[in-house]
Protein backbone atom coordinates (compact mmCIF):
# COMPACT_ATOMS: atom_id res chain seq x y z
CA MET A 1 177.95 1.86 -4.94
CA GLN A 2 177.76 5.22 -3.20
CA SER A 3 175.37 6.17 -0.46
CA GLU A 4 175.01 9.55 1.20
CA LEU A 5 173.24 10.82 4.80
CA GLN A 6 210.73 0.68 -13.82
CA GLN A 7 213.66 -0.66 -12.34
CA PRO A 8 216.49 1.57 -10.89
CA THR A 9 219.41 2.28 -13.21
CA GLN A 10 223.06 2.99 -12.49
CA ASN A 11 223.47 5.80 -15.07
CA PRO A 12 224.67 9.28 -14.04
CA PHE A 13 222.16 12.10 -14.34
CA THR A 14 222.93 15.80 -14.52
CA CYS A 15 220.79 18.68 -13.27
CA GLN A 16 221.24 22.39 -12.72
CA ILE A 17 221.97 24.04 -9.37
CA SER A 18 222.93 27.63 -8.70
CA GLN A 19 226.21 28.42 -6.98
CA ALA A 20 224.26 30.64 -4.54
CA ASP A 21 222.02 27.79 -3.48
CA TRP A 22 224.99 25.47 -3.15
CA LYS A 23 226.61 27.89 -0.69
CA GLU A 24 223.35 28.79 1.09
CA ASN A 25 222.42 25.22 1.98
CA LYS A 26 225.88 24.32 3.27
CA ASP A 27 226.13 20.54 3.73
CA LEU A 28 222.67 19.71 2.40
CA ILE A 29 220.77 20.55 -0.76
CA THR A 30 216.99 20.32 -1.10
CA CYS A 31 215.21 19.46 -4.33
CA SER A 32 212.48 22.10 -4.62
CA HIS A 33 210.17 19.76 -6.54
CA SER A 34 210.43 16.52 -4.56
CA ASN A 35 211.50 18.04 -1.20
CA LEU A 36 214.07 15.29 -0.82
CA ILE A 37 217.40 16.15 0.76
CA LEU A 38 220.81 15.33 -0.72
CA GLU A 39 224.22 15.37 0.96
CA LYS A 40 226.89 17.34 -0.82
CA LYS A 41 229.46 14.67 -0.16
CA ARG A 42 227.32 12.22 -2.16
CA VAL A 43 227.31 14.44 -5.25
CA GLY A 44 229.83 16.40 -7.27
CA ILE A 45 229.58 19.93 -8.65
CA ARG A 46 231.15 21.03 -11.88
CA LYS A 47 231.55 24.27 -13.81
CA GLY A 48 228.44 26.33 -14.49
CA GLY A 49 226.61 24.94 -11.51
CA ARG A 50 226.16 21.56 -13.16
CA LEU A 51 225.52 18.75 -10.71
CA ILE A 52 226.11 15.05 -11.28
CA LYS A 53 225.33 12.10 -9.05
CA GLN A 54 225.45 8.38 -9.51
CA PRO A 55 223.45 6.17 -9.29
CA VAL A 56 219.94 7.62 -9.49
CA ARG A 57 216.47 6.37 -10.28
CA GLU A 58 215.60 7.59 -13.77
CA LEU A 59 211.85 8.11 -13.71
CA PRO A 60 209.71 8.23 -16.86
CA GLY A 61 209.97 11.69 -18.37
CA ALA A 62 212.84 12.69 -16.08
CA GLU A 63 214.81 14.54 -18.72
CA GLU A 64 211.81 16.64 -19.69
CA ARG A 65 210.93 17.48 -16.08
CA HIS A 66 214.45 18.37 -15.07
CA SER A 67 215.06 20.61 -18.05
CA SER A 68 212.26 22.81 -16.71
CA ARG A 69 212.62 25.32 -13.87
CA GLN A 70 210.35 23.28 -11.65
CA CYS A 71 212.94 20.75 -10.52
CA ARG A 72 216.68 20.83 -10.07
CA PHE A 73 217.42 17.19 -9.26
CA ALA A 74 216.45 13.72 -10.26
CA LYS A 75 214.81 11.83 -7.38
CA ALA A 76 217.93 10.12 -6.16
CA ASP A 77 218.75 7.17 -3.96
CA PHE A 78 220.98 9.42 -1.84
CA LEU A 79 219.70 11.17 1.31
CA PRO A 80 221.44 12.27 4.52
CA GLY A 81 223.11 9.25 6.06
CA GLY A 82 223.08 7.36 2.79
CA GLY A 83 220.76 4.69 1.52
CA GLY A 84 217.64 6.85 1.53
CA ARG A 85 215.24 6.81 -1.38
CA GLU A 86 211.86 7.87 -2.60
CA VAL A 87 209.85 5.11 -4.27
CA PRO A 88 208.91 6.34 -7.74
CA LEU A 89 205.47 6.03 -9.26
CA ASP A 90 205.11 4.14 -12.48
CA GLY A 91 204.82 6.11 -15.70
CA GLN A 92 201.15 5.32 -16.16
CA SER A 93 200.26 6.71 -12.72
CA ARG A 94 202.15 9.92 -13.44
CA GLN A 95 200.41 10.45 -16.75
CA LYS A 96 196.98 10.03 -15.15
CA MET A 97 197.59 12.19 -12.07
CA ASP A 98 194.88 14.78 -11.49
CA PRO A 99 196.38 18.31 -11.89
CA ASP A 100 194.93 19.28 -8.48
CA ILE A 101 197.39 16.95 -6.76
CA SER A 102 200.88 15.49 -6.82
CA LEU A 103 202.49 12.88 -4.60
CA LEU A 104 205.51 13.90 -2.56
CA PHE A 105 206.05 10.44 -1.09
CA GLN A 106 204.42 7.02 -1.51
CA CYS A 107 205.06 4.20 0.95
CA PRO A 108 207.09 1.38 -0.65
CA SER A 109 205.44 -1.35 1.46
CA PRO A 110 201.89 -2.56 0.71
CA LYS A 111 201.31 -2.65 4.47
CA GLY A 112 201.98 1.07 4.95
CA ILE A 113 204.32 2.64 7.50
CA THR A 114 203.74 2.21 11.23
CA GLU A 115 204.28 4.81 13.94
CA ALA A 116 207.39 2.89 15.08
CA GLN A 117 208.96 3.47 11.65
CA VAL A 118 208.58 7.27 11.73
CA ARG A 119 210.88 9.91 13.20
CA ALA A 120 210.53 13.70 13.46
CA GLU A 121 213.29 16.30 13.36
CA LEU A 122 212.32 19.83 14.48
CA SER A 123 214.50 22.80 13.56
CA PRO A 124 214.17 26.54 12.80
CA LEU A 125 216.08 25.73 9.60
CA TYR A 126 212.87 24.11 8.36
CA ASP A 127 210.71 27.21 8.95
CA ARG A 128 209.36 29.45 6.21
CA ARG A 129 211.85 31.98 4.89
CA PRO A 130 210.53 35.50 5.59
CA LEU A 131 210.52 38.26 2.98
CA PRO A 132 210.80 42.02 3.62
CA GLY A 133 207.31 43.44 4.12
CA ASP A 134 205.52 40.10 4.03
CA ARG A 135 204.17 40.41 7.59
CA ALA A 136 202.02 43.37 6.56
CA ARG A 137 200.79 41.51 3.48
CA ILE A 138 199.95 38.43 5.55
CA GLU A 139 198.06 40.54 8.11
CA THR A 140 196.04 42.20 5.33
CA ALA A 141 195.17 38.84 3.79
CA TRP A 142 194.19 37.44 7.21
CA VAL A 143 191.89 40.38 8.03
CA ALA A 144 190.16 40.01 4.65
CA ARG A 145 189.76 36.26 5.11
CA ARG A 146 188.36 36.70 8.61
CA GLN A 147 185.78 39.13 7.29
CA GLN A 148 184.57 36.44 4.90
CA SER A 149 184.87 33.60 7.44
CA PRO A 150 184.74 35.05 10.99
CA TRP A 151 184.91 31.57 12.58
CA LEU A 152 188.53 31.12 11.48
CA PHE A 153 191.22 31.36 14.14
CA ASP A 154 194.99 31.40 14.08
CA GLY A 155 197.13 28.70 15.68
CA ALA A 156 200.58 27.13 15.50
CA LYS A 157 201.08 24.34 12.95
CA PHE A 158 203.89 22.04 11.90
CA ARG A 159 205.57 23.05 8.64
CA LEU A 160 206.70 20.18 6.42
CA HIS A 161 210.06 21.00 4.89
CA SER A 162 210.99 17.56 3.55
CA VAL A 163 211.02 13.83 4.25
CA GLN A 164 213.86 11.31 4.30
CA LEU A 165 213.52 7.55 3.87
CA GLU A 166 216.50 5.51 5.10
CA GLY A 167 215.88 1.78 5.07
CA ASP A 168 212.44 1.39 6.60
CA ILE A 169 212.65 4.60 8.70
CA LEU A 170 210.87 7.72 7.45
CA THR A 171 211.89 11.07 8.96
CA PHE A 172 209.72 14.18 8.80
CA CYS A 173 211.83 17.36 8.74
CA LEU A 174 209.56 19.90 10.39
CA GLY A 175 209.56 23.58 11.20
CA LEU A 176 206.83 25.71 12.74
CA THR A 177 204.29 27.95 11.07
CA CYS A 178 200.72 29.13 11.72
CA TYR A 179 197.35 29.16 10.01
CA LYS A 180 197.51 32.94 9.49
CA ASP A 181 200.71 32.55 7.49
CA PHE A 182 199.07 29.78 5.47
CA VAL A 183 196.23 32.13 4.51
CA GLY A 184 198.73 34.88 3.66
CA THR A 185 201.04 32.69 1.55
CA ASN A 186 199.69 29.38 0.23
CA LEU A 187 196.14 30.70 -0.15
CA ALA A 188 197.12 34.20 -1.29
CA ASP A 189 196.56 35.44 -4.83
CA ALA A 190 200.32 35.96 -4.99
CA ALA A 191 201.15 32.34 -4.08
CA GLY A 192 202.42 31.62 -7.57
CA GLN A 193 204.68 34.67 -7.44
CA LEU A 194 206.05 33.53 -4.08
CA GLN A 195 206.82 30.13 -5.57
CA GLU A 196 208.57 31.70 -8.54
CA ARG A 197 210.62 33.95 -6.29
CA GLY A 198 211.54 30.98 -4.11
CA ARG A 199 212.80 29.15 -7.18
CA GLU A 200 214.82 32.17 -8.31
CA ASP A 201 216.25 33.12 -4.90
CA LEU A 202 216.78 29.75 -3.25
CA GLY A 203 216.04 27.06 -5.82
CA ASN A 204 213.06 26.05 -3.66
CA SER A 205 209.55 26.99 -4.78
CA GLN A 206 208.13 26.40 -1.29
CA ALA A 207 210.69 28.40 0.71
CA TYR A 208 208.47 31.47 1.23
CA LEU A 209 205.25 29.51 1.87
CA ALA A 210 203.78 28.45 5.22
CA GLU A 211 203.22 24.82 4.17
CA PRO A 212 201.29 23.60 7.27
CA LEU A 213 201.17 19.81 7.40
CA GLY A 214 197.70 18.26 7.29
CA VAL A 215 196.50 14.72 7.97
CA GLY A 216 193.73 12.66 6.39
CA ALA A 217 192.24 9.17 6.76
CA MET A 218 191.10 6.55 4.31
CA LEU A 219 188.60 5.11 6.82
CA HIS A 220 187.57 1.55 5.91
CA THR A 221 184.43 0.07 7.48
CA ALA A 222 183.79 -3.56 8.44
CA ASP A 223 181.49 -4.00 5.43
CA ASP A 224 184.17 -2.88 2.94
CA LYS A 225 183.23 0.75 2.40
CA PHE A 226 185.20 3.98 2.70
CA VAL A 227 183.95 7.03 4.57
CA PHE A 228 183.67 10.47 2.97
CA LEU A 229 182.13 13.67 4.29
CA ARG A 230 180.33 16.50 2.53
CA ARG A 231 181.96 19.68 3.84
CA SER A 232 179.74 22.43 5.16
CA GLN A 233 179.83 26.06 4.07
CA CYS A 234 181.37 27.02 7.45
CA VAL A 235 184.89 25.80 6.70
CA GLY A 236 187.97 27.70 5.64
CA GLU A 237 188.72 25.63 2.53
CA ALA A 238 186.69 23.81 -0.13
CA PRO A 239 183.16 24.47 1.25
CA GLY A 240 180.56 22.06 -0.11
CA LYS A 241 183.16 19.65 -1.49
CA ILE A 242 183.52 15.96 -0.58
CA ASP A 243 186.48 15.12 1.65
CA ILE A 244 187.89 12.43 3.91
CA PRO A 245 188.09 12.91 7.70
CA GLY A 246 191.17 14.97 8.49
CA GLY A 247 192.76 18.06 9.94
CA HIS A 248 196.15 19.01 11.39
CA PRO A 249 198.59 17.68 13.98
CA GLU A 250 198.82 20.35 16.67
CA PRO A 251 202.05 21.60 18.30
CA GLN A 252 199.99 22.81 21.28
CA VAL A 253 198.90 19.24 21.99
CA VAL A 254 202.54 18.15 22.14
CA MET A 255 203.37 20.95 24.57
CA GLY A 256 200.36 20.33 26.80
CA ASP A 257 200.01 22.81 29.67
CA ALA A 258 203.29 24.47 28.69
CA ALA A 259 201.50 25.92 25.64
CA LEU A 260 199.65 28.26 27.98
CA GLU A 261 202.89 29.76 29.28
CA GLY A 262 204.24 31.22 26.04
CA PRO A 263 204.85 30.74 22.33
CA VAL A 264 205.51 27.32 20.84
CA ARG A 265 209.25 26.71 20.38
CA HIS A 266 211.08 24.04 18.42
CA GLN A 267 213.15 22.97 21.43
CA ASP A 268 209.97 22.27 23.41
CA LEU A 269 208.78 19.65 20.91
CA PRO A 270 210.51 16.25 21.34
CA GLY A 271 210.60 14.23 18.14
CA GLU A 272 208.98 11.17 19.72
CA SER A 273 206.06 13.26 20.98
CA VAL A 274 205.64 14.91 17.59
CA VAL A 275 205.42 11.52 15.86
CA LYS A 276 202.84 10.38 18.41
CA GLU A 277 200.78 13.52 17.72
CA LEU A 278 201.05 12.96 13.97
CA PHE A 279 199.44 9.53 14.30
CA CYS A 280 197.05 10.44 17.13
CA SER A 281 195.78 13.57 15.39
CA VAL A 282 194.21 11.63 12.54
CA LEU A 283 192.37 9.39 15.04
CA ARG A 284 191.24 12.48 16.93
CA GLU A 285 189.86 14.01 13.73
CA ILE A 286 187.82 10.87 13.07
CA GLN A 287 186.45 10.99 16.61
CA ASP A 288 185.59 14.68 16.32
CA GLU A 289 184.16 14.64 12.78
CA VAL A 290 182.52 11.21 12.54
CA ASN A 291 181.91 10.62 16.28
CA LEU A 292 183.45 7.15 16.33
CA PRO A 293 184.76 5.61 19.58
CA LEU A 294 188.53 5.19 19.66
CA PRO A 295 188.36 1.41 20.41
CA THR A 296 186.62 0.89 17.04
CA LEU A 297 189.62 2.29 15.13
CA SER A 298 192.82 0.48 14.20
CA SER A 299 196.29 1.95 14.52
CA PRO A 300 196.91 4.32 11.59
CA MET A 301 199.17 3.16 8.78
CA LEU A 302 200.87 5.93 6.80
CA LEU A 303 200.28 5.63 3.05
CA GLY A 304 202.30 8.64 1.97
CA ILE A 305 202.20 12.40 1.52
CA ALA A 306 200.12 14.21 -1.09
CA ARG A 307 200.38 17.81 -2.27
CA ASN A 308 197.36 20.03 -2.85
CA GLU A 309 198.35 21.96 -5.95
CA THR A 310 195.31 24.26 -5.63
CA SER A 311 196.89 25.66 -2.44
CA ALA A 312 200.42 26.02 -3.84
CA GLY A 313 201.52 22.47 -3.00
CA ARG A 314 200.49 22.29 0.67
CA CYS A 315 201.14 18.75 2.01
CA SER A 316 198.96 16.24 3.82
CA ALA A 317 200.03 12.94 5.37
CA GLU A 318 197.43 10.34 4.39
CA PHE A 319 196.68 7.29 6.52
CA TYR A 320 194.76 4.02 6.24
CA ILE A 321 192.56 3.16 9.24
CA ARG A 322 190.26 0.20 9.66
CA CYS A 323 186.98 0.58 11.59
CA SER A 324 185.35 -2.41 13.30
CA LEU A 325 181.87 -0.96 12.71
CA SER A 326 179.64 -1.42 9.67
CA SER A 327 178.71 1.56 7.52
CA GLU A 328 175.23 1.61 9.07
CA GLN A 329 176.71 1.71 12.57
CA VAL A 330 179.07 4.48 11.49
CA ARG A 331 176.10 6.38 10.06
CA ARG A 332 174.28 6.20 13.39
CA HIS A 333 177.30 7.51 15.30
CA TYR A 334 177.69 10.34 12.78
CA ALA A 335 174.01 11.29 13.12
CA ILE A 336 174.49 11.83 16.87
CA GLY A 337 177.22 14.35 16.13
CA GLY A 338 180.73 14.91 17.45
CA PRO A 339 182.66 18.01 18.59
CA GLU A 340 183.26 19.09 14.97
CA ALA A 341 179.92 18.03 13.51
CA GLN A 342 179.44 21.53 12.09
CA GLU A 343 182.27 20.97 9.60
CA SER A 344 180.22 18.56 7.46
CA THR A 345 176.59 18.20 6.36
CA SER A 346 176.38 14.52 5.41
CA ILE A 347 178.30 11.25 5.35
CA ILE A 348 178.93 9.22 2.20
CA PHE A 349 179.97 5.58 1.89
CA VAL A 350 181.75 4.27 -1.20
CA ASP A 351 182.42 0.58 -1.85
CA ARG A 352 186.11 -0.30 -1.87
CA GLU A 353 185.85 -1.66 -5.39
CA ASP A 354 184.41 1.67 -6.56
CA VAL A 355 187.29 3.52 -4.90
CA LEU A 356 189.78 1.34 -6.76
CA THR A 357 188.10 1.87 -10.12
CA MET A 358 186.99 5.49 -9.69
CA GLU A 359 187.53 7.51 -12.85
CA GLN A 360 188.80 11.08 -12.79
CA SER A 361 186.19 11.96 -15.41
CA GLY A 362 183.36 10.80 -13.13
CA ASP A 363 180.98 13.15 -11.31
CA PHE A 364 182.01 11.92 -7.84
CA TRP A 365 185.72 12.51 -8.48
CA LYS A 366 184.99 16.05 -9.66
CA GLU A 367 183.35 16.83 -6.31
CA LEU A 368 186.33 15.62 -4.26
CA CYS A 369 188.71 17.93 -2.42
CA PRO A 370 192.35 17.62 -3.52
CA SER A 371 193.18 16.05 -0.14
CA ALA A 372 190.68 13.26 -0.80
CA LYS A 373 192.00 12.76 -4.32
CA GLY A 374 195.55 12.44 -3.02
CA ALA A 375 194.51 9.95 -0.32
CA ILE A 376 192.66 7.81 -2.86
CA GLU A 377 195.65 7.77 -5.21
CA LEU A 378 197.96 6.79 -2.36
CA TYR A 379 195.63 4.04 -1.14
CA ARG A 380 195.31 2.62 -4.65
CA GLY A 381 199.08 2.78 -5.15
CA VAL A 382 200.03 1.26 -1.80
CA MET A 383 197.27 -1.15 -0.74
CA GLY A 384 194.92 -1.31 -3.70
CA THR A 385 196.10 -4.64 -5.08
CA CYS A 386 196.91 -6.46 -1.85
CA GLN A 387 193.83 -6.25 0.40
């Protein structure tokens, strides 16, 4: 009801890699499709830029995907430090995935990933690669966007370069970017061309894109419903669509008062503080958008990372959060309004069972933002059968 106010194999697998990209990335190579990182010492390169590694996880349809220009590697067990892996989706899930989204990472545990299991590595190496003349193009796109939506403002954001899973520890490899660059790259009409050039130049379709990391929450009430919001017309993306509570982790929050003294720098952002902000930011968004008191919210559990393919693959970390209030109590808090009440026009509650069985052909699904679709898919894949 809705209411509104395969097993791993040990076979070798070969993929293509350019000699230029091999030299450019030095000790590490990044798969442009999965954003997983491989160590050179764990792979071997042969004539013609042919790469072989063993063992790997052979996913359904791997040969077809890796013969295309979209991906240069199988999703391997090997990551920096050894033993890392990305948990593959089953073939049925891949076949049914909505084209608006893809999943970069899905938590292997049905309990999700806790804050204590997450690390953050900040480096300029994980920033967007600039192109000659792109600053002028970004400025032009930003001015045009601001004319349409004058309430938009620029600000520093974390840029997701890749993730690494080693044992039960997940590391976010992060650079810095800004919302203006996001508008001028991921949201630009030329985003597809930037992706193609990234593939050709660096073997990484996302290299020239801003890629700001977002966060979202599958918010579960005490009476077994999930919270969705109807977005207002005064938002920068997907006006009028249905979304989950969410936003961005903020580098300025990590820096505190130091952010007033100058630009945000990688060296001023300790990894532990960045991880704390990643988990706290999603709680803050719920407080601001739904007006719920912090004591009513559980500690966030990371479900995974989804890509919004309508904005050139921009990533969002999706969390599961339990609320101790009933849907009616949540509705009353929402009606009072929080600091970001203007971002939505109504609140919607969907029974958990309906979330689990929601069809992509249904009217409700068609109204969802890609971020909400990705969060639902991750929740169903991680926790859907165990709660």
